[in-house]
Amino acid sequence: MAEDVTRDAVSASAAGAAPAAWAASGARRPRPGSGSPWERYGWLMAVIWLVFLAYPLIQLVRSEASQGWIVTGWAALVAFVVVYVAGFINGMSFGGGGLVDPPRPIQWAAFGGMIACAALTIPSIGGYAVGFLPFIMSFASYGLNRLAHWVTAAASVSVTGVLVFLLPDGLSYASVLAIIVLLGVVNTVSTSLIIRSAEAERLGLELATSEGREAVARDVHDLVGHSLTVVKLKAQLVRRLMDSDPERAKAELADIESLTAEAIAGVRATVAGVRSATLSDQLRSCRDALGAADIALRVDGDAAALSPAQSLTASWILREATTNVLRHSGARTMTVRIAPGTFAVIDDGRGVGGAEGNGVRGMRERATTGGATLAVSAPESGGTRVEVTW
């Protein structure tokens, strides 16, 4: 009866593998010092699973070994519990597992201590010391690295197999061997999933970082490209006015100084991710920039017809469209049409031609990000029409 109880306990102890998984470096867990209930009391879960070590304990109570070995077995069992829980807390709090990051030296020391403790119980409980193997296997799988996982799993299967095939009552350990093999498979699959999950998180972080850099680069391109275009036009105007109209030239220089300061502030705000110019502000800015190039701006509709989110997208597209008109179009008039769900910029310049440049691609990306569709076309009357539809 005692042997049956012990073998059942060994089978049940496979459930003790679960807590080690929570200490894996790829698992989500709170930061050290977060003060969360899990960080304060998560170690209790490891203690709860240790109830399955009650069966080696029962075997120690019924052991007929010498008193010295029984005392040694009790001490080893207690030490095993302490090392296991300490290793669990270390992995949970500091990410000591080696699934993704190299295992900490203390994890290797804990692993060796667990093996030594289990070995010291053999003289008193014999083959039933295999009851410690599920915990050792799980610790190696989740707390160390893949090599330790495979070596420990193979060694555990081999040791249990020796008991099954070489001991006189070896068949009584057949169920234990089945559990050890099953646990090895479960640990292999689960640790593989943890590693893939951690890799996916890493790739997701790299992708998000890359997308963030592209967004900042696009914002800076739009902002600086527009501002520098206006500054160039005003500087050309100043050169023409220096002799004929010095007072106006001074006024234009003041505008250049203001535009430069605005561009610097805009770049800083964009990099910080907090820039949000309103459509009305952008319309006023574009009117001044176009006026410096003797291009008239007409506005049909009210900026309030668009939602705040739509206005933000429209303001960036208006900025880039204005830059393109100033640089390439040769237009004399630019018209902005605003209606609920639509925003269009139309000029009477040379029209579109050739492949799309960075400006058009940037506008298309901004429209897509804002949940809109952008279309660039050439009206029958000539020029270019840029239209955004939500």
Protein backbone atom coordinates (compact mmCIF):
# COMPACT_ATOMS: atom_id res chain seq x y z
CA MET A 1 0.00 0.00 0.00
CA ALA A 2 2.78 2.41 0.88
CA GLU A 3 4.51 1.71 -2.42
CA ASP A 4 1.29 2.38 -4.36
CA VAL A 5 0.77 5.62 -2.50
CA THR A 6 4.33 6.68 -3.19
CA ARG A 7 4.10 5.85 -6.89
CA ASP A 8 0.84 7.81 -7.12
CA ALA A 9 2.62 10.68 -5.43
CA VAL A 10 5.42 10.61 -7.98
CA SER A 11 2.82 10.79 -10.74
CA ALA A 12 1.05 13.66 -9.03
CA SER A 13 4.31 15.50 -8.49
CA ALA A 14 4.41 16.17 -12.22
CA ALA A 15 1.92 18.88 -11.45
CA GLY A 16 4.66 20.54 -9.49
CA ALA A 17 6.31 21.52 -12.75
CA ALA A 18 3.93 24.41 -13.18
CA PRO A 19 5.46 26.91 -10.75
CA ALA A 20 8.87 26.74 -12.41
CA ALA A 21 7.32 27.96 -15.64
CA TRP A 22 6.25 31.15 -13.95
CA ALA A 23 9.88 31.90 -13.17
CA ALA A 24 10.90 31.63 -16.82
CA SER A 25 12.52 34.72 -18.25
CA GLY A 26 10.17 34.75 -21.20
CA ALA A 27 7.08 34.82 -19.03
CA ARG A 28 5.37 38.09 -18.22
CA ARG A 29 6.02 39.16 -14.64
CA PRO A 30 6.13 42.40 -12.71
CA ARG A 31 9.29 44.45 -12.39
CA PRO A 32 11.30 44.06 -9.21
CA GLY A 33 10.12 46.50 -6.62
CA SER A 34 6.70 46.93 -8.22
CA GLY A 35 5.05 45.97 -4.95
CA SER A 36 2.39 43.89 -6.71
CA PRO A 37 0.61 41.09 -4.84
CA TRP A 38 2.18 38.57 -7.23
CA GLU A 39 5.68 39.72 -6.36
CA ARG A 40 4.92 39.66 -2.64
CA TYR A 41 2.97 36.41 -2.48
CA GLY A 42 3.75 34.52 -5.70
CA TRP A 43 6.21 32.30 -3.85
CA LEU A 44 3.25 30.80 -1.99
CA MET A 45 2.25 29.01 -5.21
CA ALA A 46 5.59 27.19 -5.24
CA VAL A 47 4.99 26.16 -1.62
CA ILE A 48 1.51 24.88 -2.47
CA TRP A 49 2.85 22.63 -5.23
CA LEU A 50 5.42 21.22 -2.83
CA VAL A 51 2.59 19.34 -1.14
CA PHE A 52 3.41 16.53 -3.58
CA LEU A 53 6.70 16.02 -1.77
CA ALA A 54 4.59 14.64 1.07
CA TYR A 55 4.94 11.22 -0.51
CA PRO A 56 8.74 11.01 -0.25
CA LEU A 57 8.12 12.31 3.26
CA ILE A 58 5.77 9.38 3.95
CA GLN A 59 8.42 7.00 2.68
CA LEU A 60 10.93 8.59 5.06
CA VAL A 61 8.54 8.01 7.95
CA ARG A 62 8.26 4.34 7.00
CA SER A 63 11.93 3.93 6.16
CA GLU A 64 13.80 1.04 7.76
CA ALA A 65 17.23 2.50 7.03
CA SER A 66 19.72 3.34 9.76
CA GLN A 67 18.91 6.27 11.99
CA GLY A 68 21.76 8.30 10.53
CA TRP A 69 20.49 7.97 6.97
CA ILE A 70 16.94 8.76 8.04
CA VAL A 71 18.10 11.96 9.72
CA THR A 72 20.15 12.77 6.61
CA GLY A 73 17.08 12.13 4.44
CA TRP A 74 14.94 14.49 6.52
CA ALA A 75 17.58 17.19 6.37
CA ALA A 76 17.95 16.73 2.61
CA LEU A 77 14.19 16.95 2.10
CA VAL A 78 13.97 20.20 4.05
CA ALA A 79 16.98 21.59 2.21
CA PHE A 80 15.40 20.62 -1.13
CA VAL A 81 12.28 22.61 -0.26
CA VAL A 82 14.31 25.66 0.76
CA VAL A 83 16.49 25.57 -2.37
CA TYR A 84 13.52 25.02 -4.67
CA VAL A 85 11.49 27.90 -3.22
CA ALA A 86 14.53 30.20 -3.15
CA GLY A 87 15.31 29.35 -6.76
CA PHE A 88 11.70 30.00 -7.69
CA ILE A 89 11.69 33.41 -5.99
CA ASN A 90 15.00 34.31 -7.65
CA GLY A 91 13.70 33.42 -11.09
CA MET A 92 10.38 35.19 -10.53
CA SER A 93 11.85 38.42 -9.21
CA PHE A 94 15.06 38.77 -11.20
CA GLY A 95 14.53 36.81 -14.38
CA GLY A 96 17.20 34.27 -13.54
CA GLY A 97 15.89 31.81 -16.09
CA GLY A 98 18.00 31.04 -19.12
CA LEU A 99 15.31 30.54 -21.74
CA VAL A 100 16.06 33.96 -23.22
CA ASP A 101 18.79 35.43 -21.03
CA PRO A 102 21.78 33.53 -19.66
CA PRO A 103 20.97 31.90 -16.29
CA ARG A 104 22.36 33.58 -13.21
CA PRO A 105 25.13 31.68 -11.35
CA ILE A 106 22.83 31.33 -8.34
CA GLN A 107 20.40 29.34 -10.51
CA TRP A 108 23.13 26.83 -11.35
CA ALA A 109 24.01 26.60 -7.68
CA ALA A 110 20.34 25.98 -6.80
CA PHE A 111 20.10 23.29 -9.49
CA GLY A 112 23.16 21.50 -8.15
CA GLY A 113 21.86 21.81 -4.60
CA MET A 114 18.51 20.24 -5.56
CA ILE A 115 20.27 17.26 -7.16
CA ALA A 116 22.52 16.82 -4.13
CA CYS A 117 19.54 16.94 -1.75
CA ALA A 118 17.61 14.37 -3.79
CA ALA A 119 20.66 12.07 -3.91
CA LEU A 120 21.08 12.22 -0.13
CA THR A 121 17.60 10.74 0.34
CA ILE A 122 18.39 7.59 -1.68
CA PRO A 123 19.92 5.59 1.22
CA SER A 124 16.73 6.12 3.24
CA ILE A 125 13.95 5.88 0.60
CA GLY A 126 15.68 4.09 -2.27
CA GLY A 127 14.20 4.40 -5.74
CA TYR A 128 11.35 6.57 -4.53
CA ALA A 129 13.78 9.48 -4.68
CA VAL A 130 12.58 9.78 -8.28
CA GLY A 131 9.74 11.78 -6.73
CA PHE A 132 12.14 14.74 -6.83
CA LEU A 133 12.79 14.43 -10.57
CA PRO A 134 9.74 16.38 -11.81
CA PHE A 135 10.85 19.41 -9.81
CA ILE A 136 14.46 19.07 -10.95
CA MET A 137 13.41 18.63 -14.58
CA SER A 138 11.15 21.67 -14.50
CA PHE A 139 13.78 23.78 -12.78
CA ALA A 140 16.30 22.88 -15.49
CA SER A 141 13.78 23.54 -18.26
CA TYR A 142 12.53 26.91 -17.08
CA GLY A 143 15.32 28.16 -14.84
CA LEU A 144 18.41 27.25 -16.84
CA ASN A 145 18.86 26.79 -20.59
CA ARG A 146 17.97 24.43 -23.42
CA LEU A 147 21.07 22.28 -23.00
CA ALA A 148 20.28 21.76 -19.32
CA HIS A 149 16.70 20.94 -20.23
CA TRP A 150 17.68 18.20 -22.68
CA VAL A 151 20.42 16.73 -20.48
CA THR A 152 18.22 16.67 -17.38
CA ALA A 153 15.26 15.20 -19.24
CA ALA A 154 17.41 12.45 -20.78
CA ALA A 155 19.06 11.68 -17.45
CA SER A 156 15.70 11.51 -15.65
CA VAL A 157 14.25 9.14 -18.25
CA SER A 158 17.38 7.00 -18.10
CA VAL A 159 17.43 6.77 -14.30
CA THR A 160 13.74 5.87 -14.14
CA GLY A 161 14.19 3.39 -16.99
CA VAL A 162 16.97 1.67 -15.05
CA LEU A 163 14.58 1.27 -12.09
CA VAL A 164 11.92 -0.21 -14.34
CA PHE A 165 14.12 -2.72 -16.15
CA LEU A 166 16.76 -3.67 -13.55
CA LEU A 167 15.02 -3.75 -10.19
CA PRO A 168 13.07 -6.88 -9.20
CA ASP A 169 9.91 -4.84 -8.70
CA GLY A 170 10.79 -2.50 -11.56
CA LEU A 171 7.42 -2.73 -13.29
CA SER A 172 5.94 -0.87 -10.35
CA TYR A 173 7.85 2.19 -11.61
CA ALA A 174 6.43 1.96 -15.14
CA SER A 175 3.80 4.60 -14.44
CA VAL A 176 6.52 6.86 -13.04
CA LEU A 177 8.54 6.45 -16.22
CA ALA A 178 5.47 7.37 -18.27
CA ILE A 179 4.98 10.52 -16.20
CA ILE A 180 8.65 11.49 -16.55
CA VAL A 181 8.48 11.08 -20.33
CA LEU A 182 5.22 13.05 -20.50
CA LEU A 183 6.66 15.80 -18.36
CA GLY A 184 9.71 16.00 -20.62
CA VAL A 185 7.44 16.47 -23.63
CA VAL A 186 5.33 19.10 -21.84
CA ASN A 187 8.40 21.03 -20.72
CA THR A 188 9.88 20.89 -24.23
CA VAL A 189 6.71 22.25 -25.83
CA SER A 190 6.01 24.90 -23.22
CA THR A 191 9.57 26.23 -23.11
CA SER A 192 9.61 26.38 -26.90
CA LEU A 193 6.43 28.45 -26.80
CA ILE A 194 7.93 30.75 -24.16
CA ILE A 195 11.05 31.27 -26.26
CA ARG A 196 8.97 31.99 -29.36
CA SER A 197 6.79 34.38 -27.40
CA ALA A 198 9.83 36.23 -26.09
CA GLU A 199 11.29 36.36 -29.59
CA ALA A 200 7.99 37.68 -30.94
CA GLU A 201 7.98 40.37 -28.25
CA ARG A 202 11.53 41.32 -29.15
CA LEU A 203 10.71 41.52 -32.84
CA GLY A 204 7.55 43.46 -32.05
CA LEU A 205 9.58 45.94 -30.03
CA GLU A 206 12.08 46.32 -32.85
CA LEU A 207 9.24 46.81 -35.34
CA ALA A 208 7.55 49.38 -33.12
CA THR A 209 10.87 51.19 -32.70
CA SER A 210 11.44 51.15 -36.44
CA GLU A 211 7.94 52.42 -37.15
CA GLY A 212 8.39 55.12 -34.52
CA ARG A 213 11.63 56.24 -36.16
CA GLU A 214 9.96 56.30 -39.56
CA ALA A 215 7.10 58.37 -38.16
CA VAL A 216 9.50 60.85 -36.58
CA ALA A 217 11.54 61.00 -39.80
CA ARG A 218 8.38 61.63 -41.80
CA ASP A 219 7.24 64.34 -39.40
CA VAL A 220 10.62 66.05 -39.45
CA HIS A 221 10.76 65.79 -43.26
CA ASP A 222 7.35 67.39 -43.61
CA LEU A 223 8.01 70.11 -41.08
CA VAL A 224 11.57 71.00 -42.02
CA GLY A 225 10.93 70.65 -45.75
CA HIS A 226 8.04 73.09 -45.58
CA SER A 227 9.84 75.57 -43.33
CA LEU A 228 13.05 75.56 -45.35
CA THR A 229 11.13 76.07 -48.58
CA VAL A 230 9.40 79.13 -47.14
CA VAL A 231 12.67 80.46 -45.69
CA LYS A 232 14.35 80.07 -49.10
CA LEU A 233 11.57 81.97 -50.87
CA LYS A 234 11.63 84.76 -48.31
CA ALA A 235 15.41 84.98 -48.50
CA GLN A 236 15.15 85.40 -52.28
CA LEU A 237 12.53 88.08 -51.74
CA VAL A 238 14.77 89.87 -49.23
CA ARG A 239 17.61 89.91 -51.75
CA ARG A 240 15.37 91.60 -54.30
CA LEU A 241 13.99 94.13 -51.78
CA MET A 242 17.21 95.12 -50.04
CA ASP A 243 17.84 98.04 -52.39
CA SER A 244 14.32 98.96 -53.50
CA ASP A 245 12.39 98.52 -50.21
CA PRO A 246 14.67 98.13 -47.17
CA GLU A 247 11.80 98.36 -44.68
CA ARG A 248 9.92 95.45 -46.24
CA ALA A 249 13.19 93.52 -46.47
CA LYS A 250 13.60 93.96 -42.71
CA ALA A 251 10.07 92.70 -42.19
CA GLU A 252 10.77 89.62 -44.29
CA LEU A 253 13.96 88.97 -42.33
CA ALA A 254 11.90 89.10 -39.15
CA ASP A 255 9.54 86.54 -40.70
CA ILE A 256 12.51 84.30 -41.54
CA GLU A 257 13.70 84.53 -37.95
CA SER A 258 10.21 83.66 -36.70
CA LEU A 259 9.86 80.76 -39.14
CA THR A 260 13.24 79.38 -38.11
CA ALA A 261 12.32 79.50 -34.43
CA GLU A 262 8.97 77.86 -35.19
CA ALA A 263 10.68 75.08 -37.18
CA ILE A 264 13.14 74.39 -34.37
CA ALA A 265 10.32 74.22 -31.83
CA GLY A 266 8.31 72.03 -34.17
CA VAL A 267 11.17 69.57 -34.64
CA ARG A 268 11.68 69.33 -30.90
CA ALA A 269 7.97 68.75 -30.33
CA THR A 270 7.81 66.18 -33.13
CA VAL A 271 10.72 64.20 -31.74
CA ALA A 272 9.03 64.28 -28.36
CA GLY A 273 5.88 62.95 -30.00
CA VAL A 274 3.66 65.78 -28.81
CA ARG A 275 3.20 67.99 -31.88
CA SER A 276 -0.43 68.71 -32.82
CA ALA A 277 -1.07 71.77 -35.01
CA THR A 278 -4.70 72.63 -35.74
CA LEU A 279 -5.99 72.90 -39.29
CA SER A 280 -6.90 76.58 -38.80
CA ASP A 281 -3.35 77.37 -37.67
CA GLN A 282 -1.96 75.47 -40.64
CA LEU A 283 -4.19 77.36 -43.07
CA ARG A 284 -2.90 80.70 -41.73
CA SER A 285 0.70 79.49 -41.93
CA CYS A 286 0.26 78.26 -45.50
CA ARG A 287 -1.42 81.53 -46.53
CA ASP A 288 1.62 83.47 -45.35
CA ALA A 289 4.04 81.07 -47.06
CA LEU A 290 2.14 81.15 -50.35
CA GLY A 291 1.81 84.92 -50.15
CA ALA A 292 5.59 85.28 -49.98
CA ALA A 293 5.72 83.43 -53.34
CA ASP A 294 2.87 85.52 -54.82
CA ILE A 295 0.51 82.52 -54.80
CA ALA A 296 -3.07 83.18 -53.77
CA LEU A 297 -4.82 80.84 -51.33
CA ARG A 298 -8.57 80.27 -51.48
CA VAL A 299 -10.44 78.31 -48.83
CA ASP A 300 -13.87 76.81 -49.55
CA GLY A 301 -15.51 75.47 -46.41
CA ASP A 302 -14.83 75.57 -42.70
CA ALA A 303 -12.09 73.76 -40.84
CA ALA A 304 -14.67 72.88 -38.18
CA ALA A 305 -16.35 70.55 -40.70
CA LEU A 306 -13.68 67.96 -39.90
CA SER A 307 -13.30 66.08 -36.63
CA PRO A 308 -10.19 66.77 -34.51
CA ALA A 309 -8.58 63.53 -35.72
CA GLN A 310 -9.41 64.34 -39.35
CA SER A 311 -8.13 67.90 -38.90
CA LEU A 312 -4.78 66.61 -37.65
CA THR A 313 -4.35 64.43 -40.73
CA ALA A 314 -5.56 67.22 -43.01
CA SER A 315 -3.14 69.74 -41.50
CA TRP A 316 -0.13 67.52 -42.21
CA ILE A 317 -1.28 66.83 -45.75
CA LEU A 318 -1.93 70.55 -46.31
CA ARG A 319 1.59 71.31 -45.13
CA GLU A 320 3.17 68.82 -47.54
CA ALA A 321 0.88 69.84 -50.43
CA THR A 322 1.80 73.49 -49.88
CA THR A 323 5.49 72.58 -49.89
CA ASN A 324 5.03 70.76 -53.21
CA VAL A 325 3.17 73.72 -54.70
CA LEU A 326 5.93 76.10 -53.64
CA ARG A 327 8.71 73.86 -54.93
CA HIS A 328 7.45 72.32 -58.11
CA SER A 329 4.11 73.55 -59.41
CA GLY A 330 4.65 77.08 -60.74
CA ALA A 331 1.04 77.74 -59.71
CA ARG A 332 -0.57 81.13 -59.20
CA THR A 333 -3.51 79.93 -57.13
CA MET A 334 -4.09 77.15 -54.61
CA THR A 335 -7.56 76.21 -53.43
CA VAL A 336 -8.42 74.28 -50.30
CA ARG A 337 -11.86 72.66 -50.14
CA ILE A 338 -13.19 71.37 -46.83
CA ALA A 339 -16.38 69.40 -46.33
CA PRO A 340 -17.51 66.72 -43.88
CA GLY A 341 -15.42 63.64 -44.61
CA THR A 342 -13.39 65.22 -47.44
CA PHE A 343 -10.42 67.52 -47.77
CA ALA A 344 -8.88 68.64 -51.08
CA VAL A 345 -5.98 70.81 -52.18
CA ILE A 346 -6.08 72.01 -55.81
CA ASP A 347 -3.55 74.14 -57.67
CA ASP A 348 -3.37 75.52 -61.20
CA GLY A 349 0.26 74.65 -61.79
CA ARG A 350 2.06 72.30 -64.17
CA GLY A 351 0.38 69.16 -62.85
CA VAL A 352 1.67 65.80 -61.78
CA GLY A 353 4.26 63.87 -63.73
CA GLY A 354 6.72 61.05 -63.26
CA ALA A 355 6.99 58.74 -60.29
CA GLU A 356 5.69 59.65 -56.85
CA GLY A 357 8.20 61.44 -54.68
CA ASN A 358 8.76 61.26 -50.95
CA GLY A 359 6.23 64.02 -50.39
CA VAL A 360 3.33 62.17 -52.03
CA ARG A 361 4.31 58.92 -50.36
CA GLY A 362 4.40 60.70 -47.02
CA MET A 363 0.93 62.15 -47.60
CA ARG A 364 -0.40 58.74 -48.57
CA GLU A 365 1.06 57.17 -45.43
CA ARG A 366 -0.44 59.90 -43.26
CA ALA A 367 -3.84 59.43 -44.85
CA THR A 368 -3.69 55.68 -44.26
CA THR A 369 -2.62 56.19 -40.65
CA GLY A 370 -5.57 58.54 -40.17
CA GLY A 371 -8.03 56.00 -41.58
CA ALA A 372 -8.44 57.88 -44.88
CA THR A 373 -7.76 57.38 -48.57
CA LEU A 374 -5.63 59.80 -50.57
CA ALA A 375 -5.97 60.33 -54.31
CA VAL A 376 -3.69 62.47 -56.50
CA SER A 377 -5.06 63.43 -59.90
CA ALA A 378 -4.80 66.00 -62.70
CA PRO A 379 -8.04 68.02 -63.24
CA GLU A 380 -9.13 68.77 -66.80
CA SER A 381 -8.44 72.45 -66.16
CA GLY A 382 -4.81 71.61 -65.37
CA GLY A 383 -2.77 71.55 -62.21
CA THR A 384 -2.92 68.96 -59.44
CA ARG A 385 -5.68 67.80 -57.12
CA VAL A 386 -4.87 66.09 -53.83
CA GLU A 387 -7.99 64.73 -52.13
CA VAL A 388 -8.40 62.93 -48.84
CA THR A 389 -11.57 61.00 -48.09
CA TRP A 390 -12.56 59.43 -44.77
